[in-house]
Amino acid sequence: MTSTHRFTLVARVSTENPAAVRRALGKLLPGGRIARGDDGFLIEATMRGDSARDLNRDLLSALRRVERRTRLRAEWTAGRTTERFFDYVPKGTRTRTT
């Protein structure tokens, strides 16, 4: 039996093809908040999965199927732990103490 966790995603997506990536984000993150930013999109969503790394990889892979040069800077939070990623690369973990 697999245990899934609820993650909150806060991310910045930049791309060469905003229209196509916007459509993909709408399908991948139903109920998420997607706002236009300076160089792409600011997104906030809630997703369920086994790990932040798996969710991050799945999201970026799906976006890159639409536009190869898409970049993702993401923070995934579950409970009191936040994991940061730049594209597929983990950039650190922070645990809130309060």
PDB file of N, CA and C in Angstrom:
ATOM      1  N   MET A   1       0.848  -1.178   0.000  1.00  0.00           N
ATOM      2  CA  MET A   1       0.000   0.000   0.000  1.00  0.00           C
ATOM      3  C   MET A   1       0.892   1.239   0.000  1.00  0.00           C
ATOM      4  N   THR A   2       0.587   2.188  -0.860  1.00  0.00           N
ATOM      5  CA  THR A   2       1.379   3.394  -1.003  1.00  0.00           C
ATOM      6  C   THR A   2       0.744   4.532  -0.226  1.00  0.00           C
ATOM      7  N   SER A   3       1.576   5.264   0.481  1.00  0.00           N
ATOM      8  CA  SER A   3       1.093   6.425   1.225  1.00  0.00           C
ATOM      9  C   SER A   3       1.343   7.673   0.391  1.00  0.00           C
ATOM     10  N   THR A   4       0.308   8.453   0.161  1.00  0.00           N
ATOM     11  CA  THR A   4       0.498   9.702  -0.564  1.00  0.00           C
ATOM     12  C   THR A   4       0.374  10.861   0.406  1.00  0.00           C
ATOM     13  N   HIS A   5       1.085  11.919   0.090  1.00  0.00           N
ATOM     14  CA  HIS A   5       1.087  13.113   0.910  1.00  0.00           C
ATOM     15  C   HIS A   5       0.457  14.258   0.131  1.00  0.00           C
ATOM     16  N   ARG A   6      -0.059  15.211   0.852  1.00  0.00           N
ATOM     17  CA  ARG A   6      -0.629  16.414   0.235  1.00  0.00           C
ATOM     18  C   ARG A   6       0.459  17.475   0.210  1.00  0.00           C
ATOM     19  N   PHE A   7       0.789  17.960  -0.988  1.00  0.00           N
ATOM     20  CA  PHE A   7       1.823  18.973  -1.169  1.00  0.00           C
ATOM     21  C   PHE A   7       1.190  20.260  -1.683  1.00  0.00           C
ATOM     22  N   THR A   8       1.693  21.370  -1.180  1.00  0.00           N
ATOM     23  CA  THR A   8       1.326  22.675  -1.707  1.00  0.00           C
ATOM     24  C   THR A   8       2.480  23.130  -2.592  1.00  0.00           C
ATOM     25  N   LEU A   9       2.152  23.490  -3.812  1.00  0.00           N
ATOM     26  CA  LEU A   9       3.142  23.931  -4.787  1.00  0.00           C
ATOM     27  C   LEU A   9       3.060  25.441  -4.951  1.00  0.00           C
ATOM     28  N   VAL A  10       4.215  26.097  -4.877  1.00  0.00           N
ATOM     29  CA  VAL A  10       4.348  27.507  -5.238  1.00  0.00           C
ATOM     30  C   VAL A  10       5.515  27.540  -6.214  1.00  0.00           C
ATOM     31  N   ALA A  11       5.258  28.034  -7.429  1.00  0.00           N
ATOM     32  CA  ALA A  11       6.299  27.930  -8.453  1.00  0.00           C
ATOM     33  C   ALA A  11       6.250  29.075  -9.446  1.00  0.00           C
ATOM     34  N   ARG A  12       7.362  29.203 -10.140  1.00  0.00           N
ATOM     35  CA  ARG A  12       7.514  30.146 -11.241  1.00  0.00           C
ATOM     36  C   ARG A  12       7.887  29.320 -12.471  1.00  0.00           C
ATOM     37  N   VAL A  13       7.107  29.475 -13.541  1.00  0.00           N
ATOM     38  CA  VAL A  13       7.345  28.745 -14.785  1.00  0.00           C
ATOM     39  C   VAL A  13       7.688  29.758 -15.860  1.00  0.00           C
ATOM     40  N   SER A  14       8.822  29.561 -16.534  1.00  0.00           N
ATOM     41  CA  SER A  14       9.165  30.432 -17.661  1.00  0.00           C
ATOM     42  C   SER A  14       9.296  29.567 -18.910  1.00  0.00           C
ATOM     43  N   THR A  15       8.937  30.161 -20.054  1.00  0.00           N
ATOM     44  CA  THR A  15       8.848  29.380 -21.282  1.00  0.00           C
ATOM     45  C   THR A  15       8.951  30.268 -22.517  1.00  0.00           C
ATOM     46  N   GLU A  16       9.258  29.638 -23.623  1.00  0.00           N
ATOM     47  CA  GLU A  16       9.294  30.319 -24.918  1.00  0.00           C
ATOM     48  C   GLU A  16       7.915  30.331 -25.589  1.00  0.00           C
ATOM     49  N   ASN A  17       6.990  29.498 -25.091  1.00  0.00           N
ATOM     50  CA  ASN A  17       5.665  29.380 -25.707  1.00  0.00           C
ATOM     51  C   ASN A  17       4.583  29.494 -24.623  1.00  0.00           C
ATOM     52  N   PRO A  18       4.314  30.716 -24.147  1.00  0.00           N
ATOM     53  CA  PRO A  18       3.374  30.891 -23.034  1.00  0.00           C
ATOM     54  C   PRO A  18       1.967  30.359 -23.301  1.00  0.00           C
ATOM     55  N   ALA A  19       1.458  30.513 -24.503  1.00  0.00           N
ATOM     56  CA  ALA A  19       0.084  30.080 -24.777  1.00  0.00           C
ATOM     57  C   ALA A  19      -0.063  28.573 -24.599  1.00  0.00           C
ATOM     58  N   ALA A  20       0.853  27.808 -25.155  1.00  0.00           N
ATOM     59  CA  ALA A  20       0.784  26.348 -25.049  1.00  0.00           C
ATOM     60  C   ALA A  20       1.002  25.884 -23.620  1.00  0.00           C
ATOM     61  N   VAL A  21       1.950  26.489 -22.932  1.00  0.00           N
ATOM     62  CA  VAL A  21       2.231  26.093 -21.548  1.00  0.00           C
ATOM     63  C   VAL A  21       1.064  26.467 -20.641  1.00  0.00           C
ATOM     64  N   ARG A  22       0.413  27.588 -20.880  1.00  0.00           N
ATOM     65  CA  ARG A  22      -0.757  27.993 -20.091  1.00  0.00           C
ATOM     66  C   ARG A  22      -1.869  26.957 -20.205  1.00  0.00           C
ATOM     67  N   ARG A  23      -2.111  26.488 -21.427  1.00  0.00           N
ATOM     68  CA  ARG A  23      -3.136  25.453 -21.627  1.00  0.00           C
ATOM     69  C   ARG A  23      -2.765  24.182 -20.869  1.00  0.00           C
ATOM     70  N   ALA A  24      -1.500  23.790 -20.933  1.00  0.00           N
ATOM     71  CA  ALA A  24      -1.042  22.586 -20.241  1.00  0.00           C
ATOM     72  C   ALA A  24      -1.169  22.742 -18.726  1.00  0.00           C
ATOM     73  N   LEU A  25      -0.801  23.905 -18.200  1.00  0.00           N
ATOM     74  CA  LEU A  25      -0.927  24.143 -16.758  1.00  0.00           C
ATOM     75  C   LEU A  25      -2.377  24.024 -16.309  1.00  0.00           C
ATOM     76  N   GLY A  26      -3.288  24.549 -17.104  1.00  0.00           N
ATOM     77  CA  GLY A  26      -4.703  24.457 -16.773  1.00  0.00           C
ATOM     78  C   GLY A  26      -5.180  23.020 -16.666  1.00  0.00           C
ATOM     79  N   LYS A  27      -4.659  22.148 -17.530  1.00  0.00           N
ATOM     80  CA  LYS A  27      -5.038  20.732 -17.494  1.00  0.00           C
ATOM     81  C   LYS A  27      -4.329  19.989 -16.364  1.00  0.00           C
ATOM     82  N   LEU A  28      -3.064  20.316 -16.132  1.00  0.00           N
ATOM     83  CA  LEU A  28      -2.273  19.614 -15.119  1.00  0.00           C
ATOM     84  C   LEU A  28      -2.629  20.021 -13.697  1.00  0.00           C
ATOM     85  N   LEU A  29      -3.068  21.264 -13.527  1.00  0.00           N
ATOM     86  CA  LEU A  29      -3.337  21.801 -12.191  1.00  0.00           C
ATOM     87  C   LEU A  29      -4.764  22.332 -12.084  1.00  0.00           C
ATOM     88  N   PRO A  30      -5.763  21.474 -12.276  1.00  0.00           N
ATOM     89  CA  PRO A  30      -7.138  21.962 -12.163  1.00  0.00           C
ATOM     90  C   PRO A  30      -7.382  22.466 -10.739  1.00  0.00           C
ATOM     91  N   GLY A  31      -7.978  23.615 -10.635  1.00  0.00           N
ATOM     92  CA  GLY A  31      -8.222  24.193  -9.322  1.00  0.00           C
ATOM     93  C   GLY A  31      -7.039  24.974  -8.785  1.00  0.00           C
ATOM     94  N   GLY A  32      -5.918  24.937  -9.492  1.00  0.00           N
ATOM     95  CA  GLY A  32      -4.749  25.712  -9.077  1.00  0.00           C
ATOM     96  C   GLY A  32      -4.875  27.153  -9.520  1.00  0.00           C
ATOM     97  N   ARG A  33      -4.064  28.003  -8.926  1.00  0.00           N
ATOM     98  CA  ARG A  33      -4.057  29.415  -9.312  1.00  0.00           C
ATOM     99  C   ARG A  33      -2.882  29.649 -10.254  1.00  0.00           C
ATOM    100  N   ILE A  34      -3.163  30.179 -11.435  1.00  0.00           N
ATOM    101  CA  ILE A  34      -2.151  30.429 -12.454  1.00  0.00           C
ATOM    102  C   ILE A  34      -2.242  31.893 -12.837  1.00  0.00           C
ATOM    103  N   ALA A  35      -1.169  32.643 -12.595  1.00  0.00           N
ATOM    104  CA  ALA A  35      -1.157  34.078 -12.900  1.00  0.00           C
ATOM    105  C   ALA A  35       0.006  34.368 -13.826  1.00  0.00           C
ATOM    106  N   ARG A  36      -0.198  35.309 -14.701  1.00  0.00           N
ATOM    107  CA  ARG A  36       0.853  35.725 -15.627  1.00  0.00           C
ATOM    108  C   ARG A  36       1.898  36.512 -14.851  1.00  0.00           C
ATOM    109  N   GLY A  37       3.184  36.171 -15.036  1.00  0.00           N
ATOM    110  CA  GLY A  37       4.284  36.875 -14.391  1.00  0.00           C
ATOM    111  C   GLY A  37       5.127  37.591 -15.435  1.00  0.00           C
ATOM    112  N   ASP A  38       6.236  38.165 -15.001  1.00  0.00           N
ATOM    113  CA  ASP A  38       7.113  38.904 -15.910  1.00  0.00           C
ATOM    114  C   ASP A  38       7.651  38.039 -17.049  1.00  0.00           C
ATOM    115  N   ASP A  39       8.116  36.838 -16.715  1.00  0.00           N
ATOM    116  CA  ASP A  39       8.723  35.990 -17.744  1.00  0.00           C
ATOM    117  C   ASP A  39       8.018  34.651 -17.880  1.00  0.00           C
ATOM    118  N   GLY A  40       6.775  34.569 -17.452  1.00  0.00           N
ATOM    119  CA  GLY A  40       6.049  33.309 -17.550  1.00  0.00           C
ATOM    120  C   GLY A  40       4.835  33.318 -16.653  1.00  0.00           C
ATOM    121  N   PHE A  41       4.787  32.345 -15.730  1.00  0.00           N
ATOM    122  CA  PHE A  41       3.615  32.182 -14.879  1.00  0.00           C
ATOM    123  C   PHE A  41       4.014  31.975 -13.430  1.00  0.00           C
ATOM    124  N   LEU A  42       3.171  32.449 -12.542  1.00  0.00           N
ATOM    125  CA  LEU A  42       3.281  32.167 -11.115  1.00  0.00           C
ATOM    126  C   LEU A  42       2.144  31.204 -10.806  1.00  0.00           C
ATOM    127  N   ILE A  43       2.464  30.078 -10.183  1.00  0.00           N
ATOM    128  CA  ILE A  43       1.417  29.097  -9.935  1.00  0.00           C
ATOM    129  C   ILE A  43       1.383  28.695  -8.466  1.00  0.00           C
ATOM    130  N   GLU A  44       0.182  28.404  -8.005  1.00  0.00           N
ATOM    131  CA  GLU A  44      -0.057  27.859  -6.671  1.00  0.00           C
ATOM    132  C   GLU A  44      -1.086  26.762  -6.841  1.00  0.00           C
ATOM    133  N   ALA A  45      -0.781  25.602  -6.270  1.00  0.00           N
ATOM    134  CA  ALA A  45      -1.694  24.474  -6.412  1.00  0.00           C
ATOM    135  C   ALA A  45      -1.451  23.483  -5.287  1.00  0.00           C
ATOM    136  N   THR A  46      -2.368  22.559  -5.145  1.00  0.00           N
ATOM    137  CA  THR A  46      -2.232  21.465  -4.204  1.00  0.00           C
ATOM    138  C   THR A  46      -2.273  20.169  -4.996  1.00  0.00           C
ATOM    139  N   MET A  47      -1.318  19.275  -4.697  1.00  0.00           N
ATOM    140  CA  MET A  47      -1.253  17.989  -5.389  1.00  0.00           C
ATOM    141  C   MET A  47      -0.970  16.896  -4.373  1.00  0.00           C
ATOM    142  N   ARG A  48      -1.331  15.677  -4.723  1.00  0.00           N
ATOM    143  CA  ARG A  48      -1.053  14.520  -3.878  1.00  0.00           C
ATOM    144  C   ARG A  48      -0.046  13.629  -4.592  1.00  0.00           C
ATOM    145  N   GLY A  49       0.899  13.088  -3.804  1.00  0.00           N
ATOM    146  CA  GLY A  49       1.891  12.198  -4.376  1.00  0.00           C
ATOM    147  C   GLY A  49       2.774  11.600  -3.302  1.00  0.00           C
ATOM    148  N   ASP A  50       3.682  10.730  -3.737  1.00  0.00           N
ATOM    149  CA  ASP A  50       4.582  10.050  -2.809  1.00  0.00           C
ATOM    150  C   ASP A  50       5.702  10.951  -2.327  1.00  0.00           C
ATOM    151  N   SER A  51       6.201  11.821  -3.221  1.00  0.00           N
ATOM    152  CA  SER A  51       7.316  12.697  -2.834  1.00  0.00           C
ATOM    153  C   SER A  51       7.294  13.963  -3.676  1.00  0.00           C
ATOM    154  N   ALA A  52       7.906  15.009  -3.133  1.00  0.00           N
ATOM    155  CA  ALA A  52       8.027  16.265  -3.879  1.00  0.00           C
ATOM    156  C   ALA A  52       8.847  16.043  -5.143  1.00  0.00           C
ATOM    157  N   ARG A  53       9.892  15.251  -5.051  1.00  0.00           N
ATOM    158  CA  ARG A  53      10.747  14.981  -6.218  1.00  0.00           C
ATOM    159  C   ARG A  53       9.945  14.336  -7.352  1.00  0.00           C
ATOM    160  N   ASP A  54       9.104  13.357  -7.029  1.00  0.00           N
ATOM    161  CA  ASP A  54       8.289  12.703  -8.064  1.00  0.00           C
ATOM    162  C   ASP A  54       7.296  13.678  -8.689  1.00  0.00           C
ATOM    163  N   LEU A  55       6.623  14.461  -7.852  1.00  0.00           N
ATOM    164  CA  LEU A  55       5.651  15.428  -8.377  1.00  0.00           C
ATOM    165  C   LEU A  55       6.341  16.477  -9.251  1.00  0.00           C
ATOM    166  N   ASN A  56       7.490  16.952  -8.810  1.00  0.00           N
ATOM    167  CA  ASN A  56       8.239  17.955  -9.564  1.00  0.00           C
ATOM    168  C   ASN A  56       8.658  17.393 -10.927  1.00  0.00           C
ATOM    169  N   ARG A  57       9.193  16.170 -10.918  1.00  0.00           N
ATOM    170  CA  ARG A  57       9.626  15.525 -12.165  1.00  0.00           C
ATOM    171  C   ARG A  57       8.444  15.335 -13.113  1.00  0.00           C
ATOM    172  N   ASP A  58       7.322  14.861 -12.591  1.00  0.00           N
ATOM    173  CA  ASP A  58       6.144  14.635 -13.435  1.00  0.00           C
ATOM    174  C   ASP A  58       5.628  15.932 -14.044  1.00  0.00           C
ATOM    175  N   LEU A  59       5.569  16.994 -13.234  1.00  0.00           N
ATOM    176  CA  LEU A  59       5.081  18.277 -13.726  1.00  0.00           C
ATOM    177  C   LEU A  59       6.009  18.854 -14.793  1.00  0.00           C
ATOM    178  N   LEU A  60       7.303  18.888 -14.524  1.00  0.00           N
ATOM    179  CA  LEU A  60       8.240  19.459 -15.495  1.00  0.00           C
ATOM    180  C   LEU A  60       8.301  18.629 -16.773  1.00  0.00           C
ATOM    181  N   SER A  61       8.263  17.319 -16.653  1.00  0.00           N
ATOM    182  CA  SER A  61       8.277  16.464 -17.855  1.00  0.00           C
ATOM    183  C   SER A  61       7.054  16.729 -18.721  1.00  0.00           C
ATOM    184  N   ALA A  62       5.892  16.870 -18.092  1.00  0.00           N
ATOM    185  CA  ALA A  62       4.666  17.154 -18.854  1.00  0.00           C
ATOM    186  C   ALA A  62       4.759  18.517 -19.534  1.00  0.00           C
ATOM    187  N   LEU A  63       5.296  19.517 -18.842  1.00  0.00           N
ATOM    188  CA  LEU A  63       5.431  20.848 -19.445  1.00  0.00           C
ATOM    189  C   LEU A  63       6.443  20.834 -20.585  1.00  0.00           C
ATOM    190  N   ARG A  64       7.515  20.071 -20.435  1.00  0.00           N
ATOM    191  CA  ARG A  64       8.534  20.014 -21.489  1.00  0.00           C
ATOM    192  C   ARG A  64       8.080  19.221 -22.703  1.00  0.00           C
ATOM    193  N   ARG A  65       7.070  18.392 -22.562  1.00  0.00           N
ATOM    194  CA  ARG A  65       6.492  17.748 -23.744  1.00  0.00           C
ATOM    195  C   ARG A  65       5.785  18.786 -24.614  1.00  0.00           C
ATOM    196  N   VAL A  66       5.307  19.855 -23.990  1.00  0.00           N
ATOM    197  CA  VAL A  66       4.627  20.938 -24.705  1.00  0.00           C
ATOM    198  C   VAL A  66       5.662  21.920 -25.263  1.00  0.00           C
ATOM    199  N   GLU A  67       6.636  22.312 -24.457  1.00  0.00           N
ATOM    200  CA  GLU A  67       7.692  23.259 -24.864  1.00  0.00           C
ATOM    201  C   GLU A  67       8.988  22.840 -24.191  1.00  0.00           C
ATOM    202  N   ARG A  68       9.939  22.409 -24.991  1.00  0.00           N
ATOM    203  CA  ARG A  68      11.190  21.842 -24.486  1.00  0.00           C
ATOM    204  C   ARG A  68      11.971  22.787 -23.587  1.00  0.00           C
ATOM    205  N   ARG A  69      11.919  24.081 -23.857  1.00  0.00           N
ATOM    206  CA  ARG A  69      12.727  25.043 -23.101  1.00  0.00           C
ATOM    207  C   ARG A  69      11.989  25.656 -21.897  1.00  0.00           C
ATOM    208  N   THR A  70      11.060  24.926 -21.346  1.00  0.00           N
ATOM    209  CA  THR A  70      10.342  25.391 -20.156  1.00  0.00           C
ATOM    210  C   THR A  70      11.210  25.191 -18.918  1.00  0.00           C
ATOM    211  N   ARG A  71      11.198  26.183 -18.042  1.00  0.00           N
ATOM    212  CA  ARG A  71      11.951  26.117 -16.787  1.00  0.00           C
ATOM    213  C   ARG A  71      10.990  26.200 -15.608  1.00  0.00           C
ATOM    214  N   LEU A  72      11.319  25.477 -14.537  1.00  0.00           N
ATOM    215  CA  LEU A  72      10.449  25.410 -13.367  1.00  0.00           C
ATOM    216  C   LEU A  72      11.270  25.651 -12.108  1.00  0.00           C
ATOM    217  N   ARG A  73      10.904  26.690 -11.380  1.00  0.00           N
ATOM    218  CA  ARG A  73      11.477  26.952 -10.044  1.00  0.00           C
ATOM    219  C   ARG A  73      10.339  26.713  -9.061  1.00  0.00           C
ATOM    220  N   ALA A  74      10.466  25.659  -8.264  1.00  0.00           N
ATOM    221  CA  ALA A  74       9.323  25.218  -7.470  1.00  0.00           C
ATOM    222  C   ALA A  74       9.672  25.005  -6.002  1.00  0.00           C
ATOM    223  N   GLU A  75       8.685  25.266  -5.158  1.00  0.00           N
ATOM    224  CA  GLU A  75       8.741  24.929  -3.732  1.00  0.00           C
ATOM    225  C   GLU A  75       7.536  24.047  -3.436  1.00  0.00           C
ATOM    226  N   TRP A  76       7.812  22.864  -2.905  1.00  0.00           N
ATOM    227  CA  TRP A  76       6.780  21.899  -2.553  1.00  0.00           C
ATOM    228  C   TRP A  76       6.764  21.773  -1.035  1.00  0.00           C
ATOM    229  N   THR A  77       5.612  22.004  -0.419  1.00  0.00           N
ATOM    230  CA  THR A  77       5.507  21.959   1.036  1.00  0.00           C
ATOM    231  C   THR A  77       4.515  20.888   1.457  1.00  0.00           C
ATOM    232  N   ALA A  78       4.964  20.040   2.378  1.00  0.00           N
ATOM    233  CA  ALA A  78       4.093  19.033   3.003  1.00  0.00           C
ATOM    234  C   ALA A  78       4.348  19.115   4.500  1.00  0.00           C
ATOM    235  N   GLY A  79       3.296  19.378   5.240  1.00  0.00           N
ATOM    236  CA  GLY A  79       3.476  19.546   6.683  1.00  0.00           C
ATOM    237  C   GLY A  79       4.338  20.764   6.952  1.00  0.00           C
ATOM    238  N   ARG A  80       5.444  20.559   7.666  1.00  0.00           N
ATOM    239  CA  ARG A  80       6.337  21.671   8.000  1.00  0.00           C
ATOM    240  C   ARG A  80       7.604  21.670   7.164  1.00  0.00           C
ATOM    241  N   THR A  81       7.676  20.808   6.143  1.00  0.00           N
ATOM    242  CA  THR A  81       8.883  20.693   5.326  1.00  0.00           C
ATOM    243  C   THR A  81       8.648  21.239   3.925  1.00  0.00           C
ATOM    244  N   THR A  82       9.560  22.092   3.483  1.00  0.00           N
ATOM    245  CA  THR A  82       9.520  22.659   2.132  1.00  0.00           C
ATOM    246  C   THR A  82      10.756  22.216   1.370  1.00  0.00           C
ATOM    247  N   GLU A  83      10.542  21.675   0.165  1.00  0.00           N
ATOM    248  CA  GLU A  83      11.644  21.261  -0.708  1.00  0.00           C
ATOM    249  C   GLU A  83      11.651  22.160  -1.929  1.00  0.00           C
ATOM    250  N   ARG A  84      12.836  22.683  -2.267  1.00  0.00           N
ATOM    251  CA  ARG A  84      12.980  23.593  -3.403  1.00  0.00           C
ATOM    252  C   ARG A  84      13.675  22.875  -4.555  1.00  0.00           C
ATOM    253  N   PHE A  85      13.234  23.200  -5.800  1.00  0.00           N
ATOM    254  CA  PHE A  85      13.819  22.618  -7.001  1.00  0.00           C
ATOM    255  C   PHE A  85      14.014  23.692  -8.058  1.00  0.00           C
ATOM    256  N   PHE A  86      15.075  23.553  -8.843  1.00  0.00           N
ATOM    257  CA  PHE A  86      15.251  24.314 -10.079  1.00  0.00           C
ATOM    258  C   PHE A  86      15.290  23.279 -11.182  1.00  0.00           C
ATOM    259  N   ASP A  87      14.283  23.277 -12.030  1.00  0.00           N
ATOM    260  CA  ASP A  87      14.061  22.212 -13.004  1.00  0.00           C
ATOM    261  C   ASP A  87      14.015  20.882 -12.256  1.00  0.00           C
ATOM    262  N   TYR A  88      14.866  19.919 -12.608  1.00  0.00           N
ATOM    263  CA  TYR A  88      14.831  18.620 -11.933  1.00  0.00           C
ATOM    264  C   TYR A  88      15.753  18.564 -10.715  1.00  0.00           C
ATOM    265  N   VAL A  89      16.534  19.615 -10.475  1.00  0.00           N
ATOM    266  CA  VAL A  89      17.595  19.582  -9.467  1.00  0.00           C
ATOM    267  C   VAL A  89      17.096  20.067  -8.110  1.00  0.00           C
ATOM    268  N   PRO A  90      17.239  19.245  -7.058  1.00  0.00           N
ATOM    269  CA  PRO A  90      16.866  19.709  -5.721  1.00  0.00           C
ATOM    270  C   PRO A  90      17.838  20.788  -5.246  1.00  0.00           C
ATOM    271  N   LYS A  91      17.296  21.849  -4.656  1.00  0.00           N
ATOM    272  CA  LYS A  91      18.121  22.973  -4.200  1.00  0.00           C
ATOM    273  C   LYS A  91      18.089  23.156  -2.696  1.00  0.00           C
ATOM    274  N   GLY A  92      17.432  22.262  -1.984  1.00  0.00           N
ATOM    275  CA  GLY A  92      17.455  22.364  -0.531  1.00  0.00           C
ATOM    276  C   GLY A  92      16.121  22.037   0.095  1.00  0.00           C
ATOM    277  N   THR A  93      16.198  21.735   1.379  1.00  0.00           N
ATOM    278  CA  THR A  93      15.021  21.422   2.181  1.00  0.00           C
ATOM    279  C   THR A  93      15.040  22.297   3.418  1.00  0.00           C
ATOM    280  N   ARG A  94      13.877  22.814   3.775  1.00  0.00           N
ATOM    281  CA  ARG A  94      13.755  23.664   4.951  1.00  0.00           C
ATOM    282  C   ARG A  94      12.594  23.142   5.787  1.00  0.00           C
ATOM    283  N   THR A  95      12.831  23.021   7.095  1.00  0.00           N
ATOM    284  CA  THR A  95      11.775  22.588   8.011  1.00  0.00           C
ATOM    285  C   THR A  95      11.413  23.738   8.921  1.00  0.00           C
ATOM    286  N   ARG A  96      10.141  24.078   8.932  1.00  0.00           N
ATOM    287  CA  ARG A  96       9.634  25.149   9.793  1.00  0.00           C
ATOM    288  C   ARG A  96       9.559  24.626  11.221  1.00  0.00           C
ATOM    289  N   THR A  97      10.025  25.396  12.166  1.00  0.00           N
ATOM    290  CA  THR A  97      10.087  24.931  13.556  1.00  0.00           C
ATOM    291  C   THR A  97       8.928  25.413  14.408  1.00  0.00           C
ATOM    292  N   THR A  98       8.111  26.328  13.919  1.00  0.00           N
ATOM    293  CA  THR A  98       7.020  26.853  14.743  1.00  0.00           C
ATOM    294  C   THR A  98       5.735  26.110  14.496  1.00  0.00           C
TER     295      THR A  98
END
